[in-house]
Amino acid sequence: MNVGSNRQLAGEHGGQYIDPSTGTVTGNFMEIQATQASILGAVASNITGLPAGLTMVAGASIYGVYTSVAVASGSVIAYNRKWV
C-alpha cells in the first residue's frame, strides 16, 4: 500500500493538542501520542482497564478508539479517526 495515497496512514486527518488547560476533549480519536512526558487524566476508550493516571513518555503512542481524553500533566495529541 502506498502510504502517500492513504491520508489516514499519512496522519493528515489532523488531531487535537491537549494539555491540562484544555480540560476534557471529546471526539473520535484513533491514537494518543505524548509530545512530552505526560500523565493521562480520565480517558474513555475501548481499551479494557486503561487506568486514569497512566504515565506516557515523550513520543509514546497508544492506539484504540477514544471518545474523550483529559491530561493531568504534560501534553498529548489525539489524532482524529477517519470514519469510512
PDB file of N, CA and C in Angstrom:
ATOM      1  N   MET A   1       0.851  -1.184   0.000  1.00  0.00           N
ATOM      2  CA  MET A   1       0.000   0.000   0.000  1.00  0.00           C
ATOM      3  C   MET A   1       0.888   1.235   0.000  1.00  0.00           C
ATOM      4  N   ASN A   2       0.554   2.173  -0.833  1.00  0.00           N
ATOM      5  CA  ASN A   2       1.271   3.430  -0.906  1.00  0.00           C
ATOM      6  C   ASN A   2       0.760   4.346   0.206  1.00  0.00           C
ATOM      7  N   VAL A   3       1.593   4.574   1.224  1.00  0.00           N
ATOM      8  CA  VAL A   3       1.170   5.386   2.366  1.00  0.00           C
ATOM      9  C   VAL A   3       0.802   6.795   1.937  1.00  0.00           C
ATOM     10  N   GLY A   4       1.484   7.325   0.948  1.00  0.00           N
ATOM     11  CA  GLY A   4       1.175   8.673   0.466  1.00  0.00           C
ATOM     12  C   GLY A   4      -0.240   8.799  -0.078  1.00  0.00           C
ATOM     13  N   SER A   5      -0.781   7.690  -0.604  1.00  0.00           N
ATOM     14  CA  SER A   5      -2.132   7.747  -1.150  1.00  0.00           C
ATOM     15  C   SER A   5      -3.189   7.500  -0.078  1.00  0.00           C
ATOM     16  N   ASN A   6      -2.781   7.062   1.089  1.00  0.00           N
ATOM     17  CA  ASN A   6      -3.728   6.809   2.173  1.00  0.00           C
ATOM     18  C   ASN A   6      -3.569   7.923   3.201  1.00  0.00           C
ATOM     19  N   ARG A   7      -4.424   8.915   3.166  1.00  0.00           N
ATOM     20  CA  ARG A   7      -4.275  10.096   4.006  1.00  0.00           C
ATOM     21  C   ARG A   7      -4.357   9.756   5.489  1.00  0.00           C
ATOM     22  N   GLN A   8      -5.124   8.741   5.846  1.00  0.00           N
ATOM     23  CA  GLN A   8      -5.223   8.370   7.256  1.00  0.00           C
ATOM     24  C   GLN A   8      -3.870   7.868   7.759  1.00  0.00           C
ATOM     25  N   LEU A   9      -3.207   7.003   6.989  1.00  0.00           N
ATOM     26  CA  LEU A   9      -1.909   6.498   7.406  1.00  0.00           C
ATOM     27  C   LEU A   9      -0.849   7.590   7.390  1.00  0.00           C
ATOM     28  N   ALA A  10      -1.029   8.593   6.551  1.00  0.00           N
ATOM     29  CA  ALA A  10      -0.076   9.691   6.496  1.00  0.00           C
ATOM     30  C   ALA A  10      -0.310  10.702   7.624  1.00  0.00           C
ATOM     31  N   GLY A  11      -1.338  10.484   8.449  1.00  0.00           N
ATOM     32  CA  GLY A  11      -1.600  11.366   9.572  1.00  0.00           C
ATOM     33  C   GLY A  11      -2.211  12.690   9.188  1.00  0.00           C
ATOM     34  N   GLU A  12      -2.890  12.747   8.058  1.00  0.00           N
ATOM     35  CA  GLU A  12      -3.397  14.021   7.566  1.00  0.00           C
ATOM     36  C   GLU A  12      -4.849  14.295   7.934  1.00  0.00           C
ATOM     37  N   HIS A  13      -5.407  13.533   8.834  1.00  0.00           N
ATOM     38  CA  HIS A  13      -6.767  13.818   9.284  1.00  0.00           C
ATOM     39  C   HIS A  13      -6.748  14.764  10.475  1.00  0.00           C
ATOM     40  N   GLY A  14      -5.576  15.215  10.857  1.00  0.00           N
ATOM     41  CA  GLY A  14      -5.460  16.205  11.916  1.00  0.00           C
ATOM     42  C   GLY A  14      -5.574  15.599  13.292  1.00  0.00           C
ATOM     43  N   GLY A  15      -5.579  16.444  14.263  1.00  0.00           N
ATOM     44  CA  GLY A  15      -5.648  15.998  15.636  1.00  0.00           C
ATOM     45  C   GLY A  15      -5.927  17.167  16.553  1.00  0.00           C
ATOM     46  N   GLN A  16      -5.934  16.879  17.830  1.00  0.00           N
ATOM     47  CA  GLN A  16      -6.239  17.891  18.846  1.00  0.00           C
ATOM     48  C   GLN A  16      -5.107  17.897  19.860  1.00  0.00           C
ATOM     49  N   TYR A  17      -4.469  19.049  20.036  1.00  0.00           N
ATOM     50  CA  TYR A  17      -3.444  19.211  21.064  1.00  0.00           C
ATOM     51  C   TYR A  17      -4.167  19.336  22.400  1.00  0.00           C
ATOM     52  N   ILE A  18      -3.754  18.542  23.377  1.00  0.00           N
ATOM     53  CA  ILE A  18      -4.426  18.532  24.678  1.00  0.00           C
ATOM     54  C   ILE A  18      -3.381  18.679  25.772  1.00  0.00           C
ATOM     55  N   ASP A  19      -3.608  19.631  26.665  1.00  0.00           N
ATOM     56  CA  ASP A  19      -2.792  19.774  27.871  1.00  0.00           C
ATOM     57  C   ASP A  19      -3.757  20.014  29.034  1.00  0.00           C
ATOM     58  N   PRO A  20      -3.266  20.149  30.261  1.00  0.00           N
ATOM     59  CA  PRO A  20      -4.187  20.306  31.388  1.00  0.00           C
ATOM     60  C   PRO A  20      -5.145  21.494  31.267  1.00  0.00           C
ATOM     61  N   SER A  21      -4.739  22.550  30.567  1.00  0.00           N
ATOM     62  CA  SER A  21      -5.601  23.735  30.454  1.00  0.00           C
ATOM     63  C   SER A  21      -6.798  23.522  29.530  1.00  0.00           C
ATOM     64  N   THR A  22      -6.752  22.517  28.658  1.00  0.00           N
ATOM     65  CA  THR A  22      -7.863  22.287  27.732  1.00  0.00           C
ATOM     66  C   THR A  22      -9.006  21.491  28.360  1.00  0.00           C
ATOM     67  N   GLY A  23      -8.775  20.896  29.520  1.00  0.00           N
ATOM     68  CA  GLY A  23      -9.820  20.099  30.158  1.00  0.00           C
ATOM     69  C   GLY A  23     -10.072  18.814  29.392  1.00  0.00           C
ATOM     70  N   THR A  24     -11.275  18.280  29.493  1.00  0.00           N
ATOM     71  CA  THR A  24     -11.629  17.047  28.792  1.00  0.00           C
ATOM     72  C   THR A  24     -12.059  17.376  27.363  1.00  0.00           C
ATOM     73  N   VAL A  25     -11.431  16.718  26.409  1.00  0.00           N
ATOM     74  CA  VAL A  25     -11.727  16.927  24.995  1.00  0.00           C
ATOM     75  C   VAL A  25     -12.482  15.708  24.484  1.00  0.00           C
ATOM     76  N   THR A  26     -13.603  15.941  23.811  1.00  0.00           N
ATOM     77  CA  THR A  26     -14.379  14.829  23.257  1.00  0.00           C
ATOM     78  C   THR A  26     -14.246  14.812  21.745  1.00  0.00           C
ATOM     79  N   GLY A  27     -14.395  13.641  21.175  1.00  0.00           N
ATOM     80  CA  GLY A  27     -14.307  13.485  19.731  1.00  0.00           C
ATOM     81  C   GLY A  27     -14.198  12.021  19.395  1.00  0.00           C
ATOM     82  N   ASN A  28     -13.720  11.738  18.222  1.00  0.00           N
ATOM     83  CA  ASN A  28     -13.463  10.370  17.778  1.00  0.00           C
ATOM     84  C   ASN A  28     -11.994  10.294  17.416  1.00  0.00           C
ATOM     85  N   PHE A  29     -11.203   9.724  18.307  1.00  0.00           N
ATOM     86  CA  PHE A  29      -9.760   9.688  18.121  1.00  0.00           C
ATOM     87  C   PHE A  29      -9.278   8.256  17.969  1.00  0.00           C
ATOM     88  N   MET A  30      -8.189   8.064  17.211  1.00  0.00           N
ATOM     89  CA  MET A  30      -7.654   6.731  16.974  1.00  0.00           C
ATOM     90  C   MET A  30      -6.285   6.528  17.618  1.00  0.00           C
ATOM     91  N   GLU A  31      -5.644   7.605  18.039  1.00  0.00           N
ATOM     92  CA  GLU A  31      -4.306   7.499  18.614  1.00  0.00           C
ATOM     93  C   GLU A  31      -4.084   8.655  19.576  1.00  0.00           C
ATOM     94  N   ILE A  32      -3.381   8.369  20.654  1.00  0.00           N
ATOM     95  CA  ILE A  32      -2.924   9.412  21.567  1.00  0.00           C
ATOM     96  C   ILE A  32      -1.406   9.327  21.580  1.00  0.00           C
ATOM     97  N   GLN A  33      -0.760  10.437  21.253  1.00  0.00           N
ATOM     98  CA  GLN A  33       0.701  10.479  21.225  1.00  0.00           C
ATOM     99  C   GLN A  33       1.187  11.569  22.174  1.00  0.00           C
ATOM    100  N   ALA A  34       2.089  11.200  23.070  1.00  0.00           N
ATOM    101  CA  ALA A  34       2.631  12.160  24.037  1.00  0.00           C
ATOM    102  C   ALA A  34       3.682  13.032  23.363  1.00  0.00           C
ATOM    103  N   THR A  35       3.554  14.352  23.495  1.00  0.00           N
ATOM    104  CA  THR A  35       4.553  15.265  22.953  1.00  0.00           C
ATOM    105  C   THR A  35       5.619  15.586  23.994  1.00  0.00           C
ATOM    106  N   GLN A  36       5.332  15.270  25.248  1.00  0.00           N
ATOM    107  CA  GLN A  36       6.280  15.371  26.352  1.00  0.00           C
ATOM    108  C   GLN A  36       5.826  14.383  27.413  1.00  0.00           C
ATOM    109  N   ALA A  37       6.640  14.146  28.423  1.00  0.00           N
ATOM    110  CA  ALA A  37       6.224  13.224  29.486  1.00  0.00           C
ATOM    111  C   ALA A  37       4.861  13.677  30.001  1.00  0.00           C
ATOM    112  N   SER A  38       3.894  12.764  30.024  1.00  0.00           N
ATOM    113  CA  SER A  38       2.506  13.127  30.316  1.00  0.00           C
ATOM    114  C   SER A  38       1.845  12.103  31.226  1.00  0.00           C
ATOM    115  N   ILE A  39       0.895  12.586  31.994  1.00  0.00           N
ATOM    116  CA  ILE A  39       0.050  11.716  32.797  1.00  0.00           C
ATOM    117  C   ILE A  39      -1.383  11.936  32.331  1.00  0.00           C
ATOM    118  N   LEU A  40      -2.024  10.856  31.881  1.00  0.00           N
ATOM    119  CA  LEU A  40      -3.402  10.967  31.414  1.00  0.00           C
ATOM    120  C   LEU A  40      -4.350  11.128  32.589  1.00  0.00           C
ATOM    121  N   GLY A  41      -5.388  11.907  32.376  1.00  0.00           N
ATOM    122  CA  GLY A  41      -6.481  12.001  33.332  1.00  0.00           C
ATOM    123  C   GLY A  41      -7.535  10.985  32.928  1.00  0.00           C
ATOM    124  N   ALA A  42      -8.787  11.347  32.999  1.00  0.00           N
ATOM    125  CA  ALA A  42      -9.873  10.450  32.615  1.00  0.00           C
ATOM    126  C   ALA A  42      -9.885  10.281  31.096  1.00  0.00           C
ATOM    127  N   VAL A  43      -9.950   9.034  30.657  1.00  0.00           N
ATOM    128  CA  VAL A  43      -9.972   8.712  29.239  1.00  0.00           C
ATOM    129  C   VAL A  43     -11.090   7.698  28.996  1.00  0.00           C
ATOM    130  N   ALA A  44     -11.950   7.966  28.022  1.00  0.00           N
ATOM    131  CA  ALA A  44     -12.980   7.000  27.643  1.00  0.00           C
ATOM    132  C   ALA A  44     -12.538   6.335  26.343  1.00  0.00           C
ATOM    133  N   SER A  45     -12.392   5.004  26.372  1.00  0.00           N
ATOM    134  CA  SER A  45     -11.917   4.294  25.193  1.00  0.00           C
ATOM    135  C   SER A  45     -12.452   2.864  25.172  1.00  0.00           C
ATOM    136  N   ASN A  46     -12.082   2.157  24.110  1.00  0.00           N
ATOM    137  CA  ASN A  46     -12.447   0.752  24.013  1.00  0.00           C
ATOM    138  C   ASN A  46     -11.372  -0.151  24.606  1.00  0.00           C
ATOM    139  N   ILE A  47     -10.386   0.415  25.276  1.00  0.00           N
ATOM    140  CA  ILE A  47      -9.322  -0.365  25.896  1.00  0.00           C
ATOM    141  C   ILE A  47      -9.751  -0.735  27.309  1.00  0.00           C
ATOM    142  N   THR A  48      -9.881  -2.016  27.553  1.00  0.00           N
ATOM    143  CA  THR A  48     -10.314  -2.501  28.856  1.00  0.00           C
ATOM    144  C   THR A  48      -9.218  -2.276  29.891  1.00  0.00           C
ATOM    145  N   GLY A  49      -9.572  -1.641  31.003  1.00  0.00           N
ATOM    146  CA  GLY A  49      -8.643  -1.460  32.117  1.00  0.00           C
ATOM    147  C   GLY A  49      -7.632  -0.349  31.961  1.00  0.00           C
ATOM    148  N   LEU A  50      -7.815   0.548  30.999  1.00  0.00           N
ATOM    149  CA  LEU A  50      -6.891   1.671  30.837  1.00  0.00           C
ATOM    150  C   LEU A  50      -7.068   2.603  32.035  1.00  0.00           C
ATOM    151  N   PRO A  51      -6.050   2.708  32.889  1.00  0.00           N
ATOM    152  CA  PRO A  51      -6.233   3.479  34.118  1.00  0.00           C
ATOM    153  C   PRO A  51      -6.051   4.982  33.924  1.00  0.00           C
ATOM    154  N   ALA A  52      -6.799   5.767  34.681  1.00  0.00           N
ATOM    155  CA  ALA A  52      -6.505   7.197  34.774  1.00  0.00           C
ATOM    156  C   ALA A  52      -5.169   7.277  35.506  1.00  0.00           C
ATOM    157  N   GLY A  53      -4.361   8.235  35.165  1.00  0.00           N
ATOM    158  CA  GLY A  53      -3.053   8.356  35.801  1.00  0.00           C
ATOM    159  C   GLY A  53      -1.965   7.591  35.078  1.00  0.00           C
ATOM    160  N   LEU A  54      -2.274   7.057  33.889  1.00  0.00           N
ATOM    161  CA  LEU A  54      -1.279   6.343  33.096  1.00  0.00           C
ATOM    162  C   LEU A  54      -0.191   7.326  32.678  1.00  0.00           C
ATOM    163  N   THR A  55       1.068   6.971  32.899  1.00  0.00           N
ATOM    164  CA  THR A  55       2.191   7.823  32.522  1.00  0.00           C
ATOM    165  C   THR A  55       2.692   7.428  31.141  1.00  0.00           C
ATOM    166  N   MET A  56       2.878   8.428  30.288  1.00  0.00           N
ATOM    167  CA  MET A  56       3.410   8.202  28.940  1.00  0.00           C
ATOM    168  C   MET A  56       4.705   8.994  28.793  1.00  0.00           C
ATOM    169  N   VAL A  57       5.713   8.375  28.196  1.00  0.00           N
ATOM    170  CA  VAL A  57       6.954   9.094  27.912  1.00  0.00           C
ATOM    171  C   VAL A  57       6.793   9.837  26.590  1.00  0.00           C
ATOM    172  N   ALA A  58       7.593  10.864  26.401  1.00  0.00           N
ATOM    173  CA  ALA A  58       7.522  11.650  25.161  1.00  0.00           C
ATOM    174  C   ALA A  58       7.721  10.753  23.953  1.00  0.00           C
ATOM    175  N   GLY A  59       6.854  10.896  22.962  1.00  0.00           N
ATOM    176  CA  GLY A  59       6.945  10.113  21.741  1.00  0.00           C
ATOM    177  C   GLY A  59       6.155   8.817  21.770  1.00  0.00           C
ATOM    178  N   ALA A  60       5.688   8.399  22.932  1.00  0.00           N
ATOM    179  CA  ALA A  60       4.917   7.154  23.033  1.00  0.00           C
ATOM    180  C   ALA A  60       3.513   7.359  22.478  1.00  0.00           C
ATOM    181  N   SER A  61       2.967   6.308  21.886  1.00  0.00           N
ATOM    182  CA  SER A  61       1.608   6.353  21.350  1.00  0.00           C
ATOM    183  C   SER A  61       0.816   5.162  21.872  1.00  0.00           C
ATOM    184  N   ILE A  62      -0.483   5.371  22.058  1.00  0.00           N
ATOM    185  CA  ILE A  62      -1.387   4.263  22.331  1.00  0.00           C
ATOM    186  C   ILE A  62      -2.534   4.374  21.337  1.00  0.00           C
ATOM    187  N   TYR A  63      -2.901   3.244  20.781  1.00  0.00           N
ATOM    188  CA  TYR A  63      -3.917   3.194  19.731  1.00  0.00           C
ATOM    189  C   TYR A  63      -5.192   2.576  20.276  1.00  0.00           C
ATOM    190  N   GLY A  64      -6.307   2.994  19.756  1.00  0.00           N
ATOM    191  CA  GLY A  64      -7.599   2.469  20.155  1.00  0.00           C
ATOM    192  C   GLY A  64      -8.679   3.378  19.603  1.00  0.00           C
ATOM    193  N   VAL A  65      -9.844   3.311  20.208  1.00  0.00           N
ATOM    194  CA  VAL A  65     -10.945   4.205  19.863  1.00  0.00           C
ATOM    195  C   VAL A  65     -11.227   5.031  21.114  1.00  0.00           C
ATOM    196  N   TYR A  66     -10.994   6.327  21.039  1.00  0.00           N
ATOM    197  CA  TYR A  66     -11.142   7.227  22.181  1.00  0.00           C
ATOM    198  C   TYR A  66     -12.262   8.223  21.913  1.00  0.00           C
ATOM    199  N   THR A  67     -13.134   8.407  22.896  1.00  0.00           N
ATOM    200  CA  THR A  67     -14.208   9.387  22.740  1.00  0.00           C
ATOM    201  C   THR A  67     -14.019  10.584  23.651  1.00  0.00           C
ATOM    202  N   SER A  68     -13.172  10.473  24.669  1.00  0.00           N
ATOM    203  CA  SER A  68     -12.815  11.636  25.481  1.00  0.00           C
ATOM    204  C   SER A  68     -11.431  11.425  26.085  1.00  0.00           C
ATOM    205  N   VAL A  69     -10.690  12.527  26.176  1.00  0.00           N
ATOM    206  CA  VAL A  69      -9.315  12.483  26.667  1.00  0.00           C
ATOM    207  C   VAL A  69      -9.077  13.693  27.556  1.00  0.00           C
ATOM    208  N   ALA A  70      -8.459  13.467  28.706  1.00  0.00           N
ATOM    209  CA  ALA A  70      -8.019  14.552  29.588  1.00  0.00           C
ATOM    210  C   ALA A  70      -6.577  14.261  29.997  1.00  0.00           C
ATOM    211  N   VAL A  71      -5.808  15.314  30.226  1.00  0.00           N
ATOM    212  CA  VAL A  71      -4.408  15.181  30.606  1.00  0.00           C
ATOM    213  C   VAL A  71      -4.200  15.857  31.954  1.00  0.00           C
ATOM    214  N   ALA A  72      -3.610  15.127  32.901  1.00  0.00           N
ATOM    215  CA  ALA A  72      -3.326  15.692  34.230  1.00  0.00           C
ATOM    216  C   ALA A  72      -2.048  16.527  34.210  1.00  0.00           C
ATOM    217  N   SER A  73      -1.047  16.088  33.431  1.00  0.00           N
ATOM    218  CA  SER A  73       0.179  16.873  33.268  1.00  0.00           C
ATOM    219  C   SER A  73       0.817  16.512  31.939  1.00  0.00           C
ATOM    220  N   GLY A  74       1.639  17.419  31.424  1.00  0.00           N
ATOM    221  CA  GLY A  74       2.258  17.202  30.126  1.00  0.00           C
ATOM    222  C   GLY A  74       1.316  17.594  29.003  1.00  0.00           C
ATOM    223  N   SER A  75       1.537  17.015  27.817  1.00  0.00           N
ATOM    224  CA  SER A  75       0.673  17.303  26.676  1.00  0.00           C
ATOM    225  C   SER A  75       0.694  16.126  25.707  1.00  0.00           C
ATOM    226  N   VAL A  76      -0.410  15.966  25.014  1.00  0.00           N
ATOM    227  CA  VAL A  76      -0.549  14.902  24.021  1.00  0.00           C
ATOM    228  C   VAL A  76      -1.252  15.452  22.788  1.00  0.00           C
ATOM    229  N   ILE A  77      -1.188  14.702  21.713  1.00  0.00           N
ATOM    230  CA  ILE A  77      -2.000  14.979  20.540  1.00  0.00           C
ATOM    231  C   ILE A  77      -2.900  13.769  20.347  1.00  0.00           C
ATOM    232  N   ALA A  78      -4.202  14.019  20.271  1.00  0.00           N
ATOM    233  CA  ALA A  78      -5.171  12.955  19.986  1.00  0.00           C
ATOM    234  C   ALA A  78      -5.509  13.078  18.507  1.00  0.00           C
ATOM    235  N   TYR A  79      -5.165  12.044  17.745  1.00  0.00           N
ATOM    236  CA  TYR A  79      -5.370  12.085  16.297  1.00  0.00           C
ATOM    237  C   TYR A  79      -6.780  11.655  15.939  1.00  0.00           C
ATOM    238  N   ASN A  80      -7.379  12.410  15.019  1.00  0.00           N
ATOM    239  CA  ASN A  80      -8.749  12.162  14.597  1.00  0.00           C
ATOM    240  C   ASN A  80      -8.874  10.821  13.883  1.00  0.00           C
ATOM    241  N   ARG A  81     -10.038  10.253  14.039  1.00  0.00           N
ATOM    242  CA  ARG A  81     -10.350   8.981  13.402  1.00  0.00           C
ATOM    243  C   ARG A  81     -11.115   9.265  12.122  1.00  0.00           C
ATOM    244  N   LYS A  82     -10.766   8.558  11.077  1.00  0.00           N
ATOM    245  CA  LYS A  82     -11.497   8.684   9.820  1.00  0.00           C
ATOM    246  C   LYS A  82     -12.564   7.609   9.784  1.00  0.00           C
ATOM    247  N   TRP A  83     -13.816   8.029   9.699  1.00  0.00           N
ATOM    248  CA  TRP A  83     -14.904   7.062   9.603  1.00  0.00           C
ATOM    249  C   TRP A  83     -15.118   6.745   8.142  1.00  0.00           C
ATOM    250  N   VAL A  84     -15.113   5.469   7.795  1.00  0.00           N
ATOM    251  CA  VAL A  84     -15.251   5.055   6.404  1.00  0.00           C
ATOM    252  C   VAL A  84     -16.634   4.532   6.154  1.00  0.00           C
TER     253      VAL A  84
END
